[in-house]
Amino acid sequence: MRMPHLDFIYRIVCDMDPSVSEIRNVDNTGTTRLVLPILSGSVKGPRIDGKIVERSGADWAEQVSPGKVFSRLNARYTLQTNDGVFILVNAHGIYRSGPGQTEKLTPTASQDDVEYFTHINLEAPGGSPYDWMNGVFAIGVMTMFEGKPIIDCYRLTNFPGKPAEKL
C-alpha cells in the first residue's frame, strides 16, 4: 500500500477578533470553551479566490487542561469567492504544543512549535464551479504570524496532480 498524496486547495489568512469569550468548567469537567470570533480574512488557491465573510463564524475551541497548550478545535465560517459563491467551512481538529514546549505560545508560532491539524469539510452549492469541494477529504495545517492564523488546506488523494471532479 502506498501513502496518499496531498494536493493544495487554498491558503486562508484569518483576522481574529481580540475579544475571546470563555465558558469555564463546562459541565463541571474542568474544560474551558474558548469562543474565538473570526472577523474576516482572505482565501487563495489554484481554483479559488475570495474572502472569509465578515463575522461569519468562530472557533469554539475546547481547552481540556488549562495548564497545557492543547485544544480541540471546532471552527465554522463562510467563504465568498470573487464570483459571488458562498462556501461553508467546518473544521475539527487539534492544536497542541510541540515536544518539550510547556508555555503558552506567542502570536507567531510555526510548525516547529505546534501541531495543528484539522479535518475540513467544505459545503459548496451543487452546479457551481466549486461543487468539486463537496467530495474531497481535506485537511488543514496551520501556523500563526503576528496573531493571524494561516491555514493551508490540502486534499488527501490517491491521484496526485489530477483535479477533483464535480459530484
N, C-alpha and C. Protein backbone atom coordinates (compact mmCIF):
# COMPACT_ATOMS: atom_id res chain seq x y z
N MET A 1 0.85 -1.18 0.00
CA MET A 1 0.00 0.00 0.00
C MET A 1 0.89 1.24 0.00
N ARG A 2 0.52 2.24 -0.78
CA ARG A 2 1.31 3.47 -0.83
C ARG A 2 0.64 4.57 0.00
N MET A 3 1.43 5.54 0.39
CA MET A 3 0.88 6.67 1.12
C MET A 3 0.08 7.55 0.16
N PRO A 4 -1.03 8.13 0.63
CA PRO A 4 -1.76 9.06 -0.23
C PRO A 4 -0.97 10.35 -0.41
N HIS A 5 -1.41 11.14 -1.33
CA HIS A 5 -0.75 12.39 -1.69
C HIS A 5 -1.59 13.56 -1.18
N LEU A 6 -0.96 14.70 -0.97
CA LEU A 6 -1.67 15.92 -0.60
C LEU A 6 -1.61 16.90 -1.76
N ASP A 7 -2.77 17.33 -2.24
CA ASP A 7 -2.86 18.38 -3.27
C ASP A 7 -3.36 19.66 -2.60
N PHE A 8 -2.66 20.76 -2.85
CA PHE A 8 -3.01 22.06 -2.27
C PHE A 8 -4.35 22.55 -2.81
N ILE A 9 -5.24 22.97 -1.90
CA ILE A 9 -6.52 23.56 -2.30
C ILE A 9 -6.48 25.07 -2.14
N TYR A 10 -6.13 25.56 -0.93
CA TYR A 10 -6.09 27.00 -0.71
C TYR A 10 -5.30 27.35 0.55
N ARG A 11 -5.02 28.63 0.68
CA ARG A 11 -4.47 29.21 1.91
C ARG A 11 -5.44 30.28 2.38
N ILE A 12 -5.78 30.23 3.67
CA ILE A 12 -6.54 31.33 4.24
C ILE A 12 -5.68 32.04 5.26
N VAL A 13 -5.89 33.35 5.36
CA VAL A 13 -5.28 34.18 6.38
C VAL A 13 -6.45 34.82 7.13
N CYS A 14 -6.54 34.55 8.43
CA CYS A 14 -7.68 35.00 9.23
C CYS A 14 -7.34 36.24 10.04
N ASP A 15 -8.27 37.16 10.08
CA ASP A 15 -8.22 38.28 11.01
C ASP A 15 -9.15 37.93 12.16
N MET A 16 -8.58 37.81 13.36
CA MET A 16 -9.35 37.37 14.51
C MET A 16 -9.77 38.56 15.37
N ASP A 17 -10.93 38.45 15.98
CA ASP A 17 -11.39 39.43 16.95
C ASP A 17 -10.60 39.20 18.24
N PRO A 18 -9.98 40.24 18.80
CA PRO A 18 -9.18 40.02 20.01
C PRO A 18 -10.02 39.66 21.24
N SER A 19 -11.32 39.94 21.19
CA SER A 19 -12.16 39.60 22.35
C SER A 19 -12.53 38.12 22.30
N VAL A 20 -12.09 37.40 23.30
CA VAL A 20 -12.32 35.96 23.40
C VAL A 20 -13.27 35.72 24.57
N SER A 21 -14.32 34.95 24.33
CA SER A 21 -15.24 34.58 25.41
C SER A 21 -14.80 33.25 25.99
N GLU A 22 -14.88 33.13 27.31
CA GLU A 22 -14.52 31.88 27.98
C GLU A 22 -15.72 31.36 28.76
N ILE A 23 -16.01 30.09 28.57
CA ILE A 23 -17.02 29.41 29.37
C ILE A 23 -16.23 28.40 30.20
N ARG A 24 -16.04 28.70 31.46
CA ARG A 24 -15.17 27.88 32.32
C ARG A 24 -15.92 26.71 32.95
N ASN A 25 -15.19 25.64 33.18
CA ASN A 25 -15.67 24.47 33.91
C ASN A 25 -16.99 23.94 33.34
N VAL A 26 -17.01 23.73 32.04
CA VAL A 26 -18.20 23.23 31.35
C VAL A 26 -18.64 21.91 31.98
N ASP A 27 -19.89 21.81 32.35
CA ASP A 27 -20.46 20.60 32.97
C ASP A 27 -19.63 20.08 34.14
N ASN A 28 -18.96 21.01 34.83
CA ASN A 28 -18.16 20.66 36.00
C ASN A 28 -17.04 19.68 35.67
N THR A 29 -16.50 19.78 34.44
CA THR A 29 -15.45 18.86 33.99
C THR A 29 -14.05 19.46 34.04
N GLY A 30 -13.97 20.76 34.30
CA GLY A 30 -12.68 21.44 34.25
C GLY A 30 -12.34 21.94 32.85
N THR A 31 -13.15 21.59 31.88
CA THR A 31 -12.94 22.01 30.50
C THR A 31 -13.39 23.46 30.33
N THR A 32 -12.62 24.23 29.56
CA THR A 32 -12.98 25.60 29.23
C THR A 32 -13.27 25.68 27.74
N ARG A 33 -14.38 26.30 27.40
CA ARG A 33 -14.73 26.53 25.98
C ARG A 33 -14.29 27.96 25.66
N LEU A 34 -13.43 28.11 24.67
CA LEU A 34 -12.98 29.41 24.20
C LEU A 34 -13.70 29.73 22.90
N VAL A 35 -14.36 30.87 22.85
CA VAL A 35 -15.03 31.30 21.62
C VAL A 35 -14.17 32.39 21.00
N LEU A 36 -13.57 32.06 19.84
CA LEU A 36 -12.61 32.94 19.15
C LEU A 36 -13.25 33.43 17.86
N PRO A 37 -13.87 34.61 17.87
CA PRO A 37 -14.57 35.10 16.67
C PRO A 37 -13.61 35.41 15.52
N ILE A 38 -14.03 35.03 14.33
CA ILE A 38 -13.27 35.32 13.11
C ILE A 38 -13.86 36.59 12.50
N LEU A 39 -13.06 37.64 12.39
CA LEU A 39 -13.54 38.90 11.84
C LEU A 39 -13.68 38.84 10.32
N SER A 40 -12.62 38.40 9.66
CA SER A 40 -12.59 38.38 8.20
C SER A 40 -11.32 37.65 7.78
N GLY A 41 -11.01 37.73 6.50
CA GLY A 41 -9.78 37.11 6.02
C GLY A 41 -9.81 36.92 4.53
N SER A 42 -8.78 36.27 4.02
CA SER A 42 -8.67 36.03 2.59
C SER A 42 -8.48 34.54 2.33
N VAL A 43 -8.88 34.12 1.13
CA VAL A 43 -8.68 32.74 0.69
C VAL A 43 -8.14 32.78 -0.73
N LYS A 44 -7.08 31.98 -0.99
CA LYS A 44 -6.48 31.98 -2.32
C LYS A 44 -5.90 30.61 -2.61
N GLY A 45 -6.23 30.09 -3.77
CA GLY A 45 -5.71 28.81 -4.21
C GLY A 45 -5.81 28.70 -5.71
N PRO A 46 -5.34 27.60 -6.29
CA PRO A 46 -5.36 27.44 -7.74
C PRO A 46 -6.76 27.49 -8.35
N ARG A 47 -7.78 27.07 -7.58
CA ARG A 47 -9.14 27.03 -8.13
C ARG A 47 -10.13 27.87 -7.33
N ILE A 48 -9.62 28.71 -6.43
CA ILE A 48 -10.49 29.55 -5.61
C ILE A 48 -9.77 30.83 -5.24
N ASP A 49 -10.52 31.93 -5.22
CA ASP A 49 -10.00 33.23 -4.81
C ASP A 49 -11.17 33.98 -4.17
N GLY A 50 -10.96 34.51 -2.98
CA GLY A 50 -12.06 35.21 -2.34
C GLY A 50 -11.71 35.67 -0.94
N LYS A 51 -12.73 35.65 -0.07
CA LYS A 51 -12.56 36.18 1.28
C LYS A 51 -13.35 35.33 2.27
N ILE A 52 -13.02 35.51 3.55
CA ILE A 52 -13.85 34.99 4.62
C ILE A 52 -14.91 36.06 4.87
N VAL A 53 -16.17 35.67 4.82
CA VAL A 53 -17.25 36.62 5.03
C VAL A 53 -17.12 37.21 6.43
N GLU A 54 -17.22 38.53 6.50
CA GLU A 54 -17.04 39.25 7.76
C GLU A 54 -17.96 38.71 8.85
N ARG A 55 -17.35 38.38 9.98
CA ARG A 55 -18.05 37.90 11.18
C ARG A 55 -18.98 36.72 10.90
N SER A 56 -18.58 35.86 9.99
CA SER A 56 -19.43 34.71 9.62
C SER A 56 -19.18 33.49 10.48
N GLY A 57 -18.26 33.57 11.42
CA GLY A 57 -18.01 32.38 12.22
C GLY A 57 -17.02 32.60 13.33
N ALA A 58 -16.63 31.48 13.91
CA ALA A 58 -15.70 31.49 15.03
C ALA A 58 -15.13 30.09 15.19
N ASP A 59 -14.14 30.01 16.07
CA ASP A 59 -13.64 28.72 16.51
C ASP A 59 -14.11 28.56 17.95
N TRP A 60 -14.85 27.49 18.21
CA TRP A 60 -15.32 27.17 19.55
C TRP A 60 -14.38 26.10 20.10
N ALA A 61 -13.20 26.54 20.52
CA ALA A 61 -12.15 25.61 20.96
C ALA A 61 -12.45 25.10 22.37
N GLU A 62 -12.11 23.86 22.60
CA GLU A 62 -12.30 23.22 23.90
C GLU A 62 -10.92 23.01 24.52
N GLN A 63 -10.65 23.76 25.58
CA GLN A 63 -9.36 23.66 26.27
C GLN A 63 -9.52 22.66 27.41
N VAL A 64 -8.90 21.51 27.25
CA VAL A 64 -9.09 20.40 28.19
C VAL A 64 -8.32 20.62 29.48
N SER A 65 -7.09 21.10 29.38
CA SER A 65 -6.25 21.30 30.55
C SER A 65 -5.65 22.70 30.49
N PRO A 66 -6.12 23.62 31.36
CA PRO A 66 -5.63 25.00 31.30
C PRO A 66 -4.12 25.13 31.46
N GLY A 67 -3.47 24.16 32.10
CA GLY A 67 -2.03 24.24 32.30
C GLY A 67 -1.21 23.84 31.09
N LYS A 68 -1.85 23.34 30.05
CA LYS A 68 -1.13 22.87 28.86
C LYS A 68 -1.67 23.57 27.62
N VAL A 69 -0.84 23.59 26.59
CA VAL A 69 -1.27 24.13 25.31
C VAL A 69 -1.84 22.97 24.50
N PHE A 70 -3.12 22.72 24.69
CA PHE A 70 -3.83 21.69 23.93
C PHE A 70 -5.30 22.09 23.85
N SER A 71 -5.80 22.15 22.64
CA SER A 71 -7.22 22.47 22.43
C SER A 71 -7.78 21.57 21.35
N ARG A 72 -9.05 21.22 21.52
CA ARG A 72 -9.82 20.58 20.45
C ARG A 72 -10.54 21.70 19.73
N LEU A 73 -10.41 21.72 18.43
CA LEU A 73 -10.92 22.84 17.64
C LEU A 73 -12.24 22.48 16.97
N ASN A 74 -13.09 23.49 16.85
CA ASN A 74 -14.38 23.33 16.20
C ASN A 74 -14.72 24.67 15.56
N ALA A 75 -14.20 24.90 14.36
CA ALA A 75 -14.39 26.18 13.68
C ALA A 75 -15.44 26.04 12.58
N ARG A 76 -16.19 27.11 12.40
CA ARG A 76 -17.21 27.15 11.35
C ARG A 76 -17.29 28.59 10.85
N TYR A 77 -17.18 28.75 9.53
CA TYR A 77 -17.23 30.08 8.93
C TYR A 77 -17.57 29.95 7.46
N THR A 78 -17.78 31.09 6.81
CA THR A 78 -18.22 31.10 5.41
C THR A 78 -17.20 31.82 4.54
N LEU A 79 -16.91 31.21 3.39
CA LEU A 79 -16.10 31.85 2.36
C LEU A 79 -17.02 32.44 1.31
N GLN A 80 -16.58 33.53 0.68
CA GLN A 80 -17.26 34.05 -0.50
C GLN A 80 -16.21 34.22 -1.59
N THR A 81 -16.44 33.55 -2.71
CA THR A 81 -15.49 33.62 -3.81
C THR A 81 -15.66 34.94 -4.55
N ASN A 82 -14.65 35.31 -5.34
CA ASN A 82 -14.72 36.56 -6.10
C ASN A 82 -15.85 36.56 -7.13
N ASP A 83 -16.36 35.37 -7.49
CA ASP A 83 -17.50 35.32 -8.40
C ASP A 83 -18.82 35.16 -7.65
N GLY A 84 -18.81 35.43 -6.33
CA GLY A 84 -20.04 35.53 -5.56
C GLY A 84 -20.61 34.25 -4.97
N VAL A 85 -19.87 33.16 -4.99
CA VAL A 85 -20.37 31.89 -4.47
C VAL A 85 -19.98 31.77 -2.98
N PHE A 86 -20.94 31.34 -2.16
CA PHE A 86 -20.70 31.12 -0.73
C PHE A 86 -20.38 29.65 -0.48
N ILE A 87 -19.38 29.41 0.37
CA ILE A 87 -18.94 28.05 0.72
C ILE A 87 -18.81 27.98 2.24
N LEU A 88 -19.47 26.99 2.84
CA LEU A 88 -19.38 26.79 4.28
C LEU A 88 -18.17 25.92 4.60
N VAL A 89 -17.42 26.32 5.62
CA VAL A 89 -16.26 25.56 6.08
C VAL A 89 -16.52 25.09 7.51
N ASN A 90 -16.37 23.79 7.73
CA ASN A 90 -16.41 23.20 9.07
C ASN A 90 -15.07 22.53 9.30
N ALA A 91 -14.38 22.92 10.37
CA ALA A 91 -13.05 22.36 10.65
C ALA A 91 -13.00 21.85 12.08
N HIS A 92 -12.58 20.59 12.23
CA HIS A 92 -12.45 19.97 13.55
C HIS A 92 -11.05 19.39 13.66
N GLY A 93 -10.38 19.67 14.78
CA GLY A 93 -9.03 19.14 14.90
C GLY A 93 -8.41 19.41 16.25
N ILE A 94 -7.07 19.48 16.24
CA ILE A 94 -6.32 19.72 17.47
C ILE A 94 -5.30 20.84 17.27
N TYR A 95 -4.98 21.48 18.37
CA TYR A 95 -3.92 22.47 18.44
C TYR A 95 -3.15 22.14 19.71
N ARG A 96 -1.88 21.77 19.57
CA ARG A 96 -1.10 21.41 20.75
C ARG A 96 0.34 21.85 20.58
N SER A 97 0.98 22.08 21.73
CA SER A 97 2.39 22.46 21.69
C SER A 97 3.24 21.26 21.30
N GLY A 98 4.40 21.57 20.75
CA GLY A 98 5.32 20.53 20.35
C GLY A 98 6.04 19.92 21.55
N PRO A 99 6.82 18.88 21.32
CA PRO A 99 7.54 18.20 22.40
C PRO A 99 8.42 19.18 23.18
N GLY A 100 8.31 19.11 24.50
CA GLY A 100 9.14 19.96 25.36
C GLY A 100 8.63 21.37 25.55
N GLN A 101 7.60 21.76 24.83
CA GLN A 101 7.04 23.11 24.98
C GLN A 101 5.95 23.08 26.04
N THR A 102 6.08 23.91 27.05
CA THR A 102 5.09 23.91 28.12
C THR A 102 4.42 25.26 28.30
N GLU A 103 4.97 26.30 27.72
CA GLU A 103 4.40 27.63 27.92
C GLU A 103 3.41 27.96 26.82
N LYS A 104 2.58 28.96 27.11
CA LYS A 104 1.65 29.43 26.09
C LYS A 104 2.45 29.99 24.92
N LEU A 105 1.88 29.87 23.76
CA LEU A 105 2.59 30.25 22.55
C LEU A 105 2.48 31.73 22.25
N THR A 106 3.45 32.22 21.53
CA THR A 106 3.48 33.62 21.13
C THR A 106 2.58 33.83 19.92
N PRO A 107 2.32 35.09 19.54
CA PRO A 107 1.48 35.35 18.36
C PRO A 107 2.07 34.84 17.05
N THR A 108 3.34 34.44 17.06
CA THR A 108 3.95 33.84 15.88
C THR A 108 4.40 32.43 16.26
N ALA A 109 3.72 31.43 15.72
CA ALA A 109 4.05 30.03 16.02
C ALA A 109 4.12 29.26 14.71
N SER A 110 5.19 28.51 14.53
CA SER A 110 5.36 27.75 13.29
C SER A 110 5.14 26.26 13.57
N GLN A 111 5.28 25.47 12.52
CA GLN A 111 5.17 24.03 12.67
C GLN A 111 6.30 23.47 13.53
N ASP A 112 7.34 24.25 13.77
CA ASP A 112 8.40 23.83 14.68
C ASP A 112 7.95 23.94 16.14
N ASP A 113 6.88 24.72 16.39
CA ASP A 113 6.40 24.97 17.75
C ASP A 113 5.16 24.17 18.12
N VAL A 114 4.29 23.91 17.15
CA VAL A 114 2.98 23.32 17.45
C VAL A 114 2.59 22.25 16.44
N GLU A 115 1.61 21.47 16.84
CA GLU A 115 0.90 20.59 15.92
C GLU A 115 -0.51 21.15 15.81
N TYR A 116 -0.90 21.49 14.60
CA TYR A 116 -2.25 21.99 14.37
C TYR A 116 -2.74 21.29 13.12
N PHE A 117 -3.71 20.44 13.29
CA PHE A 117 -4.27 19.71 12.15
C PHE A 117 -5.78 19.69 12.29
N THR A 118 -6.46 19.86 11.19
CA THR A 118 -7.91 19.78 11.19
C THR A 118 -8.40 18.95 10.01
N HIS A 119 -9.55 18.34 10.20
CA HIS A 119 -10.29 17.76 9.09
C HIS A 119 -11.26 18.85 8.65
N ILE A 120 -11.19 19.23 7.39
CA ILE A 120 -12.02 20.32 6.87
C ILE A 120 -13.09 19.74 5.96
N ASN A 121 -14.33 20.08 6.28
CA ASN A 121 -15.47 19.69 5.46
C ASN A 121 -15.97 20.95 4.74
N LEU A 122 -16.02 20.88 3.43
CA LEU A 122 -16.43 22.03 2.61
C LEU A 122 -17.80 21.76 2.01
N GLU A 123 -18.68 22.76 2.09
CA GLU A 123 -20.02 22.65 1.53
C GLU A 123 -20.23 23.78 0.53
N ALA A 124 -20.23 23.41 -0.76
CA ALA A 124 -20.40 24.38 -1.85
C ALA A 124 -21.70 24.07 -2.58
N PRO A 125 -22.29 25.07 -3.24
CA PRO A 125 -23.53 24.82 -3.98
C PRO A 125 -23.31 23.84 -5.13
N GLY A 126 -24.23 22.88 -5.27
CA GLY A 126 -24.19 21.97 -6.41
C GLY A 126 -24.36 22.76 -7.70
N GLY A 127 -23.66 22.34 -8.73
CA GLY A 127 -23.74 23.03 -10.02
C GLY A 127 -22.86 24.26 -10.11
N SER A 128 -22.21 24.65 -8.99
CA SER A 128 -21.31 25.81 -9.02
C SER A 128 -19.93 25.34 -9.46
N PRO A 129 -19.04 26.28 -9.80
CA PRO A 129 -17.67 25.90 -10.15
C PRO A 129 -16.91 25.25 -8.99
N TYR A 130 -17.51 25.26 -7.79
CA TYR A 130 -16.83 24.76 -6.60
C TYR A 130 -17.46 23.49 -6.06
N ASP A 131 -18.41 22.90 -6.77
CA ASP A 131 -19.08 21.73 -6.19
C ASP A 131 -18.16 20.52 -6.10
N TRP A 132 -17.00 20.56 -6.74
CA TRP A 132 -15.98 19.51 -6.56
C TRP A 132 -15.52 19.45 -5.10
N MET A 133 -15.62 20.58 -4.38
CA MET A 133 -15.17 20.62 -2.98
C MET A 133 -16.03 19.74 -2.08
N ASN A 134 -17.27 19.48 -2.47
CA ASN A 134 -18.18 18.67 -1.66
C ASN A 134 -17.71 17.23 -1.50
N GLY A 135 -16.88 16.75 -2.40
CA GLY A 135 -16.48 15.35 -2.38
C GLY A 135 -15.03 15.11 -2.04
N VAL A 136 -14.34 16.09 -1.46
CA VAL A 136 -12.93 15.88 -1.12
C VAL A 136 -12.78 15.64 0.37
N PHE A 137 -11.74 14.89 0.72
CA PHE A 137 -11.33 14.75 2.12
C PHE A 137 -10.19 15.74 2.28
N ALA A 138 -10.42 16.79 3.07
CA ALA A 138 -9.44 17.87 3.18
C ALA A 138 -8.90 17.95 4.60
N ILE A 139 -7.63 18.33 4.70
CA ILE A 139 -7.01 18.59 5.99
C ILE A 139 -6.42 19.99 5.99
N GLY A 140 -6.33 20.56 7.17
CA GLY A 140 -5.74 21.88 7.33
C GLY A 140 -4.50 21.81 8.20
N VAL A 141 -3.51 22.61 7.85
CA VAL A 141 -2.27 22.74 8.61
C VAL A 141 -2.08 24.22 8.88
N MET A 142 -1.78 24.58 10.13
CA MET A 142 -1.75 26.00 10.49
C MET A 142 -0.40 26.44 11.05
N THR A 143 -0.11 27.71 10.81
CA THR A 143 0.92 28.44 11.53
C THR A 143 0.28 29.75 11.98
N MET A 144 0.96 30.45 12.85
CA MET A 144 0.50 31.77 13.29
C MET A 144 1.55 32.78 12.88
N PHE A 145 1.11 33.92 12.37
CA PHE A 145 2.03 35.00 12.05
C PHE A 145 1.41 36.31 12.52
N GLU A 146 2.08 36.96 13.47
CA GLU A 146 1.62 38.23 14.02
C GLU A 146 0.16 38.14 14.47
N GLY A 147 -0.17 37.04 15.16
CA GLY A 147 -1.50 36.87 15.71
C GLY A 147 -2.56 36.42 14.72
N LYS A 148 -2.18 36.17 13.47
CA LYS A 148 -3.13 35.74 12.45
C LYS A 148 -2.92 34.27 12.12
N PRO A 149 -3.98 33.46 12.27
CA PRO A 149 -3.87 32.08 11.81
C PRO A 149 -3.74 32.03 10.28
N ILE A 150 -2.80 31.25 9.81
CA ILE A 150 -2.63 31.00 8.38
C ILE A 150 -2.82 29.50 8.20
N ILE A 151 -3.84 29.13 7.43
CA ILE A 151 -4.20 27.72 7.29
C ILE A 151 -4.09 27.31 5.83
N ASP A 152 -3.27 26.32 5.58
CA ASP A 152 -3.19 25.71 4.26
C ASP A 152 -4.10 24.49 4.26
N CYS A 153 -4.94 24.40 3.24
CA CYS A 153 -5.90 23.31 3.10
C CYS A 153 -5.45 22.41 1.96
N TYR A 154 -5.41 21.10 2.23
CA TYR A 154 -4.96 20.12 1.25
C TYR A 154 -6.03 19.04 1.07
N ARG A 155 -6.10 18.53 -0.13
CA ARG A 155 -6.97 17.38 -0.44
C ARG A 155 -6.12 16.12 -0.33
N LEU A 156 -6.60 15.16 0.41
CA LEU A 156 -5.96 13.85 0.50
C LEU A 156 -6.45 13.03 -0.68
N THR A 157 -5.51 12.51 -1.50
CA THR A 157 -5.91 11.84 -2.73
C THR A 157 -4.94 10.72 -3.11
N ASN A 158 -5.44 9.77 -3.86
CA ASN A 158 -4.60 8.74 -4.47
C ASN A 158 -4.22 9.11 -5.89
N PHE A 159 -4.67 10.27 -6.36
CA PHE A 159 -4.46 10.67 -7.75
C PHE A 159 -3.78 12.04 -7.80
N PRO A 160 -2.49 12.10 -7.46
CA PRO A 160 -1.79 13.38 -7.40
C PRO A 160 -1.80 14.11 -8.73
N GLY A 161 -2.02 15.42 -8.64
CA GLY A 161 -1.99 16.26 -9.82
C GLY A 161 -3.25 16.23 -10.66
N LYS A 162 -4.19 15.35 -10.35
CA LYS A 162 -5.45 15.30 -11.10
C LYS A 162 -6.50 16.04 -10.29
N PRO A 163 -7.13 17.04 -10.87
CA PRO A 163 -8.11 17.82 -10.10
C PRO A 163 -9.31 16.98 -9.68
N ALA A 164 -9.84 17.31 -8.50
CA ALA A 164 -11.06 16.65 -8.04
C ALA A 164 -12.19 17.02 -8.99
N GLU A 165 -13.03 16.05 -9.26
CA GLU A 165 -14.13 16.27 -10.20
C GLU A 165 -15.39 16.67 -9.46
N LYS A 166 -16.29 17.33 -10.20
CA LYS A 166 -17.58 17.69 -9.64
C LYS A 166 -18.36 16.43 -9.30
N LEU A 167 -19.20 16.53 -8.30
CA LEU A 167 -20.04 15.39 -7.93
C LEU A 167 -21.20 15.25 -8.90
